[in-house]
């Protein structure tokens, strides 16, 4: 009797080989069924000398195709998720930061002009106390005192606010 898939031994041998070649895939039997449908369609056009070989090779190819498809879909899904993630601040955080900035600006405006100028030269322009002292014609000690007063004033201005 030829191996045409009609006996249980034929199917068991084919399944055993598919399991071995797909590393015990839980889908081995489904792959074998799909391969058998392809075998029957192919037999309607051509003769098949080794049906078990045809089934095993087709089932393994189907397994590889499914693995590639799953991996590709997974990578596409990850890419979509990555493009949807916004790492920026939340809207309420942006609003709170803007309000703090406005409060700090008001504190700077309430500060004496010379103190504000010294503070901004240091914090915004990055000048050292020595450079500021030369630029405004004061001693470095006086610049240090003005900076301490400016920082204390702004700290108190912002404290308890929010």
N, C-alpha and C. Protein backbone atom coordinates (compact mmCIF):
# COMPACT_ATOMS: atom_id res chain seq x y z
N UNK A 1 0.84 -1.17 0.00
CA UNK A 1 0.00 0.00 0.00
C UNK A 1 0.90 1.25 0.00
N UNK A 2 0.66 2.21 -0.89
CA UNK A 2 1.49 3.40 -0.95
C UNK A 2 1.18 4.34 0.21
N UNK A 3 2.18 5.17 0.56
CA UNK A 3 1.99 6.17 1.62
C UNK A 3 1.18 7.33 1.05
N UNK A 4 -0.12 7.25 1.20
CA UNK A 4 -0.98 8.31 0.66
C UNK A 4 -1.72 9.04 1.77
N UNK A 5 -1.35 8.78 3.02
CA UNK A 5 -1.98 9.48 4.13
C UNK A 5 -3.20 8.78 4.65
N UNK A 6 -3.52 7.59 4.15
CA UNK A 6 -4.75 6.93 4.56
C UNK A 6 -4.58 6.08 5.80
N UNK A 7 -3.36 5.78 6.22
CA UNK A 7 -3.23 4.97 7.42
C UNK A 7 -2.65 5.78 8.58
N UNK A 8 -2.92 5.31 9.80
CA UNK A 8 -2.50 6.03 11.01
C UNK A 8 -0.98 6.05 11.15
N UNK A 9 -0.29 5.00 10.71
CA UNK A 9 1.17 4.96 10.80
C UNK A 9 1.82 6.05 9.96
N UNK A 10 1.27 6.29 8.78
CA UNK A 10 1.77 7.35 7.90
C UNK A 10 1.69 8.70 8.61
N UNK A 11 0.51 8.98 9.17
CA UNK A 11 0.29 10.26 9.84
C UNK A 11 1.20 10.41 11.06
N UNK A 12 1.36 9.34 11.85
CA UNK A 12 2.20 9.37 13.04
C UNK A 12 3.67 9.63 12.67
N UNK A 13 4.15 8.97 11.59
CA UNK A 13 5.54 9.19 11.15
C UNK A 13 5.73 10.64 10.70
N UNK A 14 4.78 11.17 9.96
CA UNK A 14 4.87 12.55 9.48
C UNK A 14 4.85 13.53 10.67
N UNK A 15 3.96 13.30 11.62
CA UNK A 15 3.85 14.18 12.78
C UNK A 15 5.12 14.15 13.62
N UNK A 16 5.69 12.96 13.79
CA UNK A 16 6.92 12.82 14.57
C UNK A 16 8.05 13.65 13.93
N UNK A 17 8.16 13.59 12.61
CA UNK A 17 9.20 14.35 11.92
C UNK A 17 8.96 15.86 11.99
N UNK A 18 7.71 16.25 11.87
CA UNK A 18 7.37 17.68 11.95
C UNK A 18 7.68 18.20 13.36
N UNK A 19 7.32 17.43 14.37
CA UNK A 19 7.63 17.83 15.75
C UNK A 19 9.13 18.00 15.95
N UNK A 20 9.90 17.05 15.43
CA UNK A 20 11.36 17.12 15.58
C UNK A 20 11.92 18.34 14.85
N UNK A 21 11.47 18.58 13.64
CA UNK A 21 12.01 19.69 12.83
C UNK A 21 11.52 21.06 13.28
N UNK A 22 10.39 21.12 13.99
CA UNK A 22 9.88 22.41 14.49
C UNK A 22 10.15 22.56 15.99
N UNK A 23 11.03 21.73 16.52
CA UNK A 23 11.45 21.79 17.93
C UNK A 23 10.26 21.67 18.87
N UNK A 24 9.40 20.70 18.59
CA UNK A 24 8.26 20.41 19.45
C UNK A 24 7.18 21.48 19.44
N UNK A 25 7.02 22.14 18.33
CA UNK A 25 6.02 23.21 18.23
C UNK A 25 4.64 22.70 18.64
N UNK A 26 3.93 23.47 19.47
CA UNK A 26 2.57 23.07 19.84
C UNK A 26 1.61 23.12 18.64
N UNK A 27 2.01 23.78 17.58
CA UNK A 27 1.19 23.88 16.38
C UNK A 27 1.53 22.82 15.33
N UNK A 28 2.34 21.84 15.70
CA UNK A 28 2.84 20.86 14.73
C UNK A 28 1.70 20.16 13.99
N UNK A 29 0.68 19.76 14.71
CA UNK A 29 -0.42 19.04 14.06
C UNK A 29 -1.19 19.96 13.11
N UNK A 30 -1.40 21.20 13.52
CA UNK A 30 -2.07 22.16 12.63
C UNK A 30 -1.24 22.40 11.37
N UNK A 31 0.07 22.52 11.56
CA UNK A 31 0.96 22.71 10.41
C UNK A 31 0.87 21.51 9.47
N UNK A 32 0.82 20.33 10.06
CA UNK A 32 0.73 19.12 9.25
C UNK A 32 -0.59 19.06 8.48
N UNK A 33 -1.67 19.47 9.11
CA UNK A 33 -2.96 19.50 8.40
C UNK A 33 -2.91 20.46 7.22
N UNK A 34 -2.34 21.66 7.45
CA UNK A 34 -2.22 22.63 6.36
C UNK A 34 -1.34 22.08 5.25
N UNK A 35 -0.27 21.40 5.64
CA UNK A 35 0.63 20.81 4.65
C UNK A 35 -0.09 19.72 3.85
N UNK A 36 -0.94 18.96 4.53
CA UNK A 36 -1.67 17.89 3.84
C UNK A 36 -2.62 18.47 2.78
N UNK A 37 -3.27 19.59 3.12
CA UNK A 37 -4.15 20.23 2.13
C UNK A 37 -3.35 20.68 0.91
N UNK A 38 -2.17 21.17 1.15
CA UNK A 38 -1.31 21.58 0.03
C UNK A 38 -0.83 20.37 -0.77
N UNK A 39 -0.55 19.28 -0.06
CA UNK A 39 -0.14 18.05 -0.75
C UNK A 39 -1.24 17.59 -1.70
N UNK A 40 -2.46 17.57 -1.23
CA UNK A 40 -3.58 17.13 -2.06
C UNK A 40 -3.78 18.05 -3.27
N UNK A 41 -3.64 19.35 -3.05
CA UNK A 41 -3.78 20.29 -4.17
C UNK A 41 -2.64 20.07 -5.18
N UNK A 42 -1.43 19.83 -4.69
CA UNK A 42 -0.29 19.62 -5.57
C UNK A 42 -0.42 18.29 -6.33
N UNK A 43 -0.93 17.26 -5.65
CA UNK A 43 -1.10 15.94 -6.28
C UNK A 43 -2.09 15.99 -7.45
N UNK A 44 -3.00 16.94 -7.43
CA UNK A 44 -3.97 17.03 -8.52
C UNK A 44 -3.28 17.48 -9.81
N UNK A 45 -2.08 18.06 -9.70
CA UNK A 45 -1.34 18.53 -10.88
C UNK A 45 -0.10 17.69 -11.17
N UNK A 46 0.56 17.21 -10.11
CA UNK A 46 1.83 16.50 -10.27
C UNK A 46 1.85 15.25 -9.40
N UNK A 47 2.73 14.35 -9.76
CA UNK A 47 2.93 13.14 -8.95
C UNK A 47 3.90 13.47 -7.83
N UNK A 48 3.68 12.89 -6.65
CA UNK A 48 4.57 13.10 -5.51
C UNK A 48 5.17 11.76 -5.13
N UNK A 49 6.50 11.64 -5.25
CA UNK A 49 7.19 10.37 -4.96
C UNK A 49 7.33 10.13 -3.46
N UNK A 50 7.51 11.19 -2.67
CA UNK A 50 7.75 11.04 -1.24
C UNK A 50 6.76 11.92 -0.47
N UNK A 51 5.56 11.44 -0.20
CA UNK A 51 4.55 12.25 0.46
C UNK A 51 4.96 12.72 1.86
N UNK A 52 5.62 11.85 2.64
CA UNK A 52 6.04 12.27 3.98
C UNK A 52 7.05 13.41 3.87
N UNK A 53 8.00 13.28 2.97
CA UNK A 53 8.99 14.35 2.77
C UNK A 53 8.32 15.65 2.37
N UNK A 54 7.35 15.56 1.46
CA UNK A 54 6.60 16.74 1.02
C UNK A 54 5.89 17.39 2.21
N UNK A 55 5.20 16.56 3.01
CA UNK A 55 4.46 17.08 4.15
C UNK A 55 5.37 17.73 5.18
N UNK A 56 6.47 17.06 5.49
CA UNK A 56 7.39 17.59 6.51
C UNK A 56 7.99 18.91 6.04
N UNK A 57 8.49 18.93 4.80
CA UNK A 57 9.10 20.15 4.27
C UNK A 57 8.08 21.29 4.24
N UNK A 58 6.86 21.02 3.81
CA UNK A 58 5.83 22.05 3.73
C UNK A 58 5.45 22.54 5.13
N UNK A 59 5.30 21.61 6.08
CA UNK A 59 4.94 22.00 7.45
C UNK A 59 6.03 22.87 8.08
N UNK A 60 7.29 22.50 7.86
CA UNK A 60 8.40 23.29 8.40
C UNK A 60 8.41 24.68 7.76
N UNK A 61 8.21 24.75 6.46
CA UNK A 61 8.16 26.04 5.78
C UNK A 61 7.01 26.90 6.32
N UNK A 62 5.87 26.28 6.55
CA UNK A 62 4.74 27.02 7.12
C UNK A 62 5.08 27.55 8.51
N UNK A 63 5.80 26.75 9.29
CA UNK A 63 6.21 27.16 10.63
C UNK A 63 7.15 28.36 10.56
N UNK A 64 8.10 28.33 9.65
CA UNK A 64 9.04 29.44 9.48
C UNK A 64 8.29 30.70 9.03
N UNK A 65 7.38 30.52 8.10
CA UNK A 65 6.58 31.67 7.63
C UNK A 65 5.78 32.29 8.77
N UNK A 66 5.18 31.44 9.60
CA UNK A 66 4.37 31.93 10.72
C UNK A 66 5.25 32.65 11.74
N UNK A 67 6.43 32.10 11.98
CA UNK A 67 7.36 32.74 12.91
C UNK A 67 7.77 34.12 12.39
N UNK A 68 8.09 34.22 11.12
CA UNK A 68 8.48 35.51 10.53
C UNK A 68 7.33 36.52 10.60
N UNK A 69 6.13 36.04 10.30
CA UNK A 69 4.96 36.91 10.33
C UNK A 69 4.71 37.43 11.75
N UNK A 70 4.81 36.55 12.73
CA UNK A 70 4.61 36.95 14.12
C UNK A 70 5.66 37.96 14.55
N UNK A 71 6.92 37.70 14.20
CA UNK A 71 8.01 38.61 14.57
C UNK A 71 7.82 39.97 13.89
N UNK A 72 7.46 39.96 12.61
CA UNK A 72 7.26 41.21 11.88
C UNK A 72 6.11 42.01 12.49
N UNK A 73 5.00 41.34 12.80
CA UNK A 73 3.85 42.02 13.41
C UNK A 73 4.22 42.56 14.79
N UNK A 74 5.00 41.81 15.53
CA UNK A 74 5.44 42.25 16.85
C UNK A 74 6.30 43.49 16.73
N UNK A 75 7.25 43.49 15.79
CA UNK A 75 8.12 44.65 15.58
C UNK A 75 7.32 45.85 15.11
N UNK A 76 6.34 45.63 14.22
CA UNK A 76 5.49 46.72 13.76
C UNK A 76 4.70 47.30 14.92
N UNK A 77 4.18 46.42 15.77
CA UNK A 77 3.41 46.86 16.93
C UNK A 77 4.25 47.67 17.89
N UNK A 78 5.51 47.21 18.12
CA UNK A 78 6.40 47.95 19.00
C UNK A 78 6.72 49.31 18.41
N UNK A 79 6.93 49.37 17.10
CA UNK A 79 7.24 50.65 16.46
C UNK A 79 6.05 51.60 16.60
N UNK A 80 4.84 51.06 16.43
CA UNK A 80 3.66 51.90 16.57
C UNK A 80 3.52 52.41 18.00
N UNK A 81 3.79 51.53 18.96
CA UNK A 81 3.69 51.94 20.36
C UNK A 81 4.73 53.01 20.65
N UNK A 82 5.94 52.81 20.15
CA UNK A 82 7.00 53.77 20.41
C UNK A 82 6.67 55.14 19.81
N UNK A 83 6.03 55.15 18.67
CA UNK A 83 5.71 56.44 18.07
C UNK A 83 4.53 57.11 18.77
N UNK A 84 3.74 56.33 19.50
CA UNK A 84 2.60 56.91 20.19
C UNK A 84 2.96 57.40 21.59
N UNK A 85 4.08 56.97 22.13
CA UNK A 85 4.47 57.37 23.47
C UNK A 85 4.98 58.80 23.44
N UNK A 86 4.41 59.63 24.29
CA UNK A 86 4.83 61.03 24.42
C UNK A 86 5.56 61.17 25.74
N UNK A 87 6.85 61.39 25.68
CA UNK A 87 7.64 61.51 26.90
C UNK A 87 7.66 62.92 27.46
N UNK A 88 6.92 63.81 26.84
CA UNK A 88 6.85 65.19 27.32
C UNK A 88 6.04 65.28 28.60
N UNK A 89 6.07 66.44 29.22
CA UNK A 89 5.32 66.62 30.47
C UNK A 89 3.81 66.59 30.21
N UNK A 90 3.08 66.24 31.24
CA UNK A 90 1.63 66.25 31.15
C UNK A 90 1.13 67.69 31.11
N UNK A 91 -0.06 67.88 30.61
CA UNK A 91 -0.61 69.22 30.44
C UNK A 91 -0.66 69.97 31.77
N UNK A 92 -1.07 69.31 32.85
CA UNK A 92 -1.15 70.01 34.13
C UNK A 92 0.24 70.38 34.65
N UNK A 93 1.26 69.59 34.31
CA UNK A 93 2.63 69.93 34.69
C UNK A 93 3.11 71.17 33.93
N UNK A 94 2.74 71.26 32.66
CA UNK A 94 3.11 72.43 31.85
C UNK A 94 2.45 73.68 32.42
N UNK A 95 1.19 73.58 32.76
CA UNK A 95 0.46 74.72 33.31
C UNK A 95 1.08 75.15 34.63
N UNK A 96 1.40 74.19 35.50
CA UNK A 96 2.01 74.51 36.79
C UNK A 96 3.38 75.16 36.60
N UNK A 97 4.17 74.66 35.65
CA UNK A 97 5.50 75.25 35.38
C UNK A 97 5.36 76.68 34.87
N UNK A 98 4.38 76.92 34.01
CA UNK A 98 4.16 78.28 33.50
C UNK A 98 3.76 79.23 34.63
N UNK A 99 2.91 78.72 35.52
CA UNK A 99 2.49 79.55 36.65
C UNK A 99 3.67 79.86 37.58
N UNK A 100 4.54 78.86 37.81
CA UNK A 100 5.73 79.11 38.63
C UNK A 100 6.65 80.13 37.97
N UNK A 101 6.80 80.00 36.65
CA UNK A 101 7.63 80.95 35.91
C UNK A 101 7.08 82.37 36.02
N UNK A 102 5.77 82.51 35.87
CA UNK A 102 5.15 83.84 36.01
C UNK A 102 5.36 84.39 37.41
N UNK A 103 5.25 83.53 38.42
CA UNK A 103 5.46 83.95 39.81
C UNK A 103 6.92 84.39 40.00
N UNK A 104 7.87 83.64 39.41
CA UNK A 104 9.30 84.01 39.53
C UNK A 104 9.57 85.33 38.81
N UNK A 105 8.96 85.53 37.65
CA UNK A 105 9.13 86.81 36.93
C UNK A 105 8.62 87.98 37.77
N UNK A 106 7.49 87.76 38.43
CA UNK A 106 6.94 88.82 39.29
C UNK A 106 7.89 89.10 40.45
N UNK A 107 8.51 88.06 40.99
CA UNK A 107 9.49 88.23 42.07
C UNK A 107 10.70 89.00 41.59
N UNK A 108 11.17 88.70 40.39
CA UNK A 108 12.30 89.45 39.83
C UNK A 108 11.93 90.92 39.64
N UNK A 109 10.73 91.16 39.17
CA UNK A 109 10.28 92.53 38.95
C UNK A 109 10.16 93.30 40.27
N UNK A 110 9.84 92.60 41.36
CA UNK A 110 9.68 93.24 42.67
C UNK A 110 11.03 93.51 43.35
N UNK A 111 12.08 92.95 42.84
CA UNK A 111 13.42 93.09 43.42
C UNK A 111 14.02 94.44 43.02
N UNK A 112 14.86 95.03 43.89
CA UNK A 112 15.55 96.27 43.50
C UNK A 112 16.34 96.05 42.20
N UNK A 113 16.40 97.07 41.36
CA UNK A 113 16.98 96.97 40.01
C UNK A 113 18.43 96.47 40.02
N UNK A 114 19.27 97.04 40.90
CA UNK A 114 20.67 96.62 40.91
C UNK A 114 20.80 95.16 41.31
N UNK A 115 20.05 94.72 42.31
CA UNK A 115 20.08 93.32 42.76
C UNK A 115 19.63 92.39 41.64
N UNK A 116 18.54 92.78 40.95
CA UNK A 116 18.02 91.99 39.83
C UNK A 116 19.09 91.87 38.74
N UNK A 117 19.74 92.99 38.41
CA UNK A 117 20.77 93.00 37.37
C UNK A 117 21.92 92.05 37.74
N UNK A 118 22.38 92.10 38.97
CA UNK A 118 23.46 91.24 39.43
C UNK A 118 23.04 89.77 39.37
N UNK A 119 21.84 89.50 39.86
CA UNK A 119 21.32 88.13 39.85
C UNK A 119 21.25 87.57 38.43
N UNK A 120 20.71 88.35 37.49
CA UNK A 120 20.57 87.89 36.11
C UNK A 120 21.91 87.75 35.41
N UNK A 121 22.86 88.62 35.75
CA UNK A 121 24.20 88.50 35.15
C UNK A 121 24.83 87.16 35.53
N UNK A 122 24.60 86.77 36.77
CA UNK A 122 25.17 85.51 37.23
C UNK A 122 24.39 84.31 36.69
N UNK A 123 23.08 84.32 36.86
CA UNK A 123 22.26 83.15 36.53
C UNK A 123 21.95 83.01 35.04
N UNK A 124 21.77 84.10 34.35
CA UNK A 124 21.40 84.01 32.94
C UNK A 124 22.59 84.14 32.01
N UNK A 125 23.54 85.00 32.35
CA UNK A 125 24.69 85.21 31.48
C UNK A 125 25.88 84.37 31.89
N UNK A 126 25.82 83.77 33.08
CA UNK A 126 26.88 82.88 33.53
C UNK A 126 28.15 83.57 33.98
N UNK A 127 28.06 84.86 34.31
CA UNK A 127 29.25 85.59 34.76
C UNK A 127 29.59 85.22 36.21
N UNK A 128 30.89 85.22 36.51
CA UNK A 128 31.32 84.95 37.89
C UNK A 128 31.12 86.22 38.72
N UNK A 129 31.19 86.06 40.05
CA UNK A 129 31.04 87.21 40.93
C UNK A 129 32.13 88.25 40.63
N UNK A 130 33.32 87.79 40.35
CA UNK A 130 34.44 88.70 40.04
C UNK A 130 34.14 89.50 38.76
N UNK A 131 33.66 88.81 37.72
CA UNK A 131 33.34 89.48 36.46
C UNK A 131 32.21 90.50 36.66
N UNK A 132 31.23 90.15 37.46
CA UNK A 132 30.12 91.07 37.73
C UNK A 132 30.63 92.29 38.49
N UNK A 133 31.50 92.05 39.47
CA UNK A 133 32.06 93.15 40.26
C UNK A 133 32.76 94.16 39.36
N UNK A 134 33.55 93.68 38.43
CA UNK A 134 34.25 94.56 37.49
C UNK A 134 33.24 95.30 36.60
N UNK A 135 32.23 94.59 36.13
CA UNK A 135 31.26 95.18 35.20
C UNK A 135 30.41 96.27 35.84
N UNK A 136 30.04 96.11 37.11
CA UNK A 136 29.16 97.09 37.75
C UNK A 136 29.91 98.04 38.68
N UNK A 137 31.21 97.82 38.87
CA UNK A 137 32.02 98.72 39.69
C UNK A 137 31.82 98.56 41.18
N UNK A 138 31.56 97.35 41.63
CA UNK A 138 31.43 97.07 43.07
C UNK A 138 32.49 96.03 43.48
N UNK A 139 32.64 95.83 44.77
CA UNK A 139 33.58 94.80 45.23
C UNK A 139 32.94 93.42 45.08
N UNK A 140 33.79 92.42 45.03
CA UNK A 140 33.29 91.05 44.91
C UNK A 140 32.47 90.69 46.15
N UNK A 141 32.87 91.19 47.31
CA UNK A 141 32.14 90.95 48.55
C UNK A 141 30.72 91.51 48.46
N UNK A 142 30.60 92.70 47.87
CA UNK A 142 29.29 93.32 47.72
C UNK A 142 28.41 92.50 46.75
N UNK A 143 29.00 91.97 45.71
CA UNK A 143 28.26 91.12 44.76
C UNK A 143 27.77 89.87 45.46
N UNK A 144 28.60 89.26 46.30
CA UNK A 144 28.21 88.06 47.04
C UNK A 144 27.01 88.36 47.94
N UNK A 145 27.06 89.50 48.63
CA UNK A 145 25.95 89.90 49.52
C UNK A 145 24.67 90.14 48.72
N UNK A 146 24.77 90.80 47.57
CA UNK A 146 23.60 91.06 46.73
C UNK A 146 23.00 89.75 46.20
N UNK A 147 23.87 88.82 45.83
CA UNK A 147 23.38 87.51 45.35
C UNK A 147 22.67 86.76 46.48
N UNK A 148 23.23 86.79 47.67
CA UNK A 148 22.60 86.12 48.81
C UNK A 148 21.22 86.73 49.08
N UNK A 149 21.13 88.06 49.05
CA UNK A 149 19.85 88.74 49.27
C UNK A 149 18.85 88.41 48.16
N UNK A 150 19.33 88.34 46.91
CA UNK A 150 18.44 88.02 45.78
C UNK A 150 17.89 86.60 45.90
N UNK A 151 18.76 85.66 46.25
CA UNK A 151 18.33 84.26 46.38
C UNK A 151 17.35 84.12 47.55
N UNK A 152 17.66 84.76 48.68
CA UNK A 152 16.76 84.71 49.83
C UNK A 152 15.41 85.32 49.49
N UNK A 153 15.42 86.46 48.82
CA UNK A 153 14.16 87.12 48.44
C UNK A 153 13.32 86.21 47.54
N UNK A 154 13.94 85.64 46.50
CA UNK A 154 13.17 84.78 45.58
C UNK A 154 12.69 83.50 46.25
N UNK A 155 13.50 82.97 47.15
CA UNK A 155 13.08 81.77 47.88
C UNK A 155 11.84 82.07 48.71
N UNK A 156 11.87 83.16 49.42
CA UNK A 156 10.71 83.55 50.24
C UNK A 156 9.51 83.92 49.37
N UNK A 157 9.77 84.56 48.23
CA UNK A 157 8.72 84.95 47.28
C UNK A 157 7.97 83.71 46.76
N UNK A 158 8.71 82.67 46.48
CA UNK A 158 8.12 81.47 45.91
C UNK A 158 7.59 80.50 46.97
N UNK A 159 8.05 80.64 48.20
CA UNK A 159 7.67 79.71 49.27
C UNK A 159 6.18 79.81 49.59
N UNK A 160 5.57 78.66 49.74
CA UNK A 160 4.16 78.63 50.10
C UNK A 160 3.21 78.98 48.98
N UNK A 161 3.76 79.28 47.84
CA UNK A 161 2.91 79.60 46.70
C UNK A 161 2.56 78.31 45.97
N UNK A 162 1.46 78.16 45.41
CA UNK A 162 0.95 77.03 44.62
C UNK A 162 -0.28 76.52 45.20
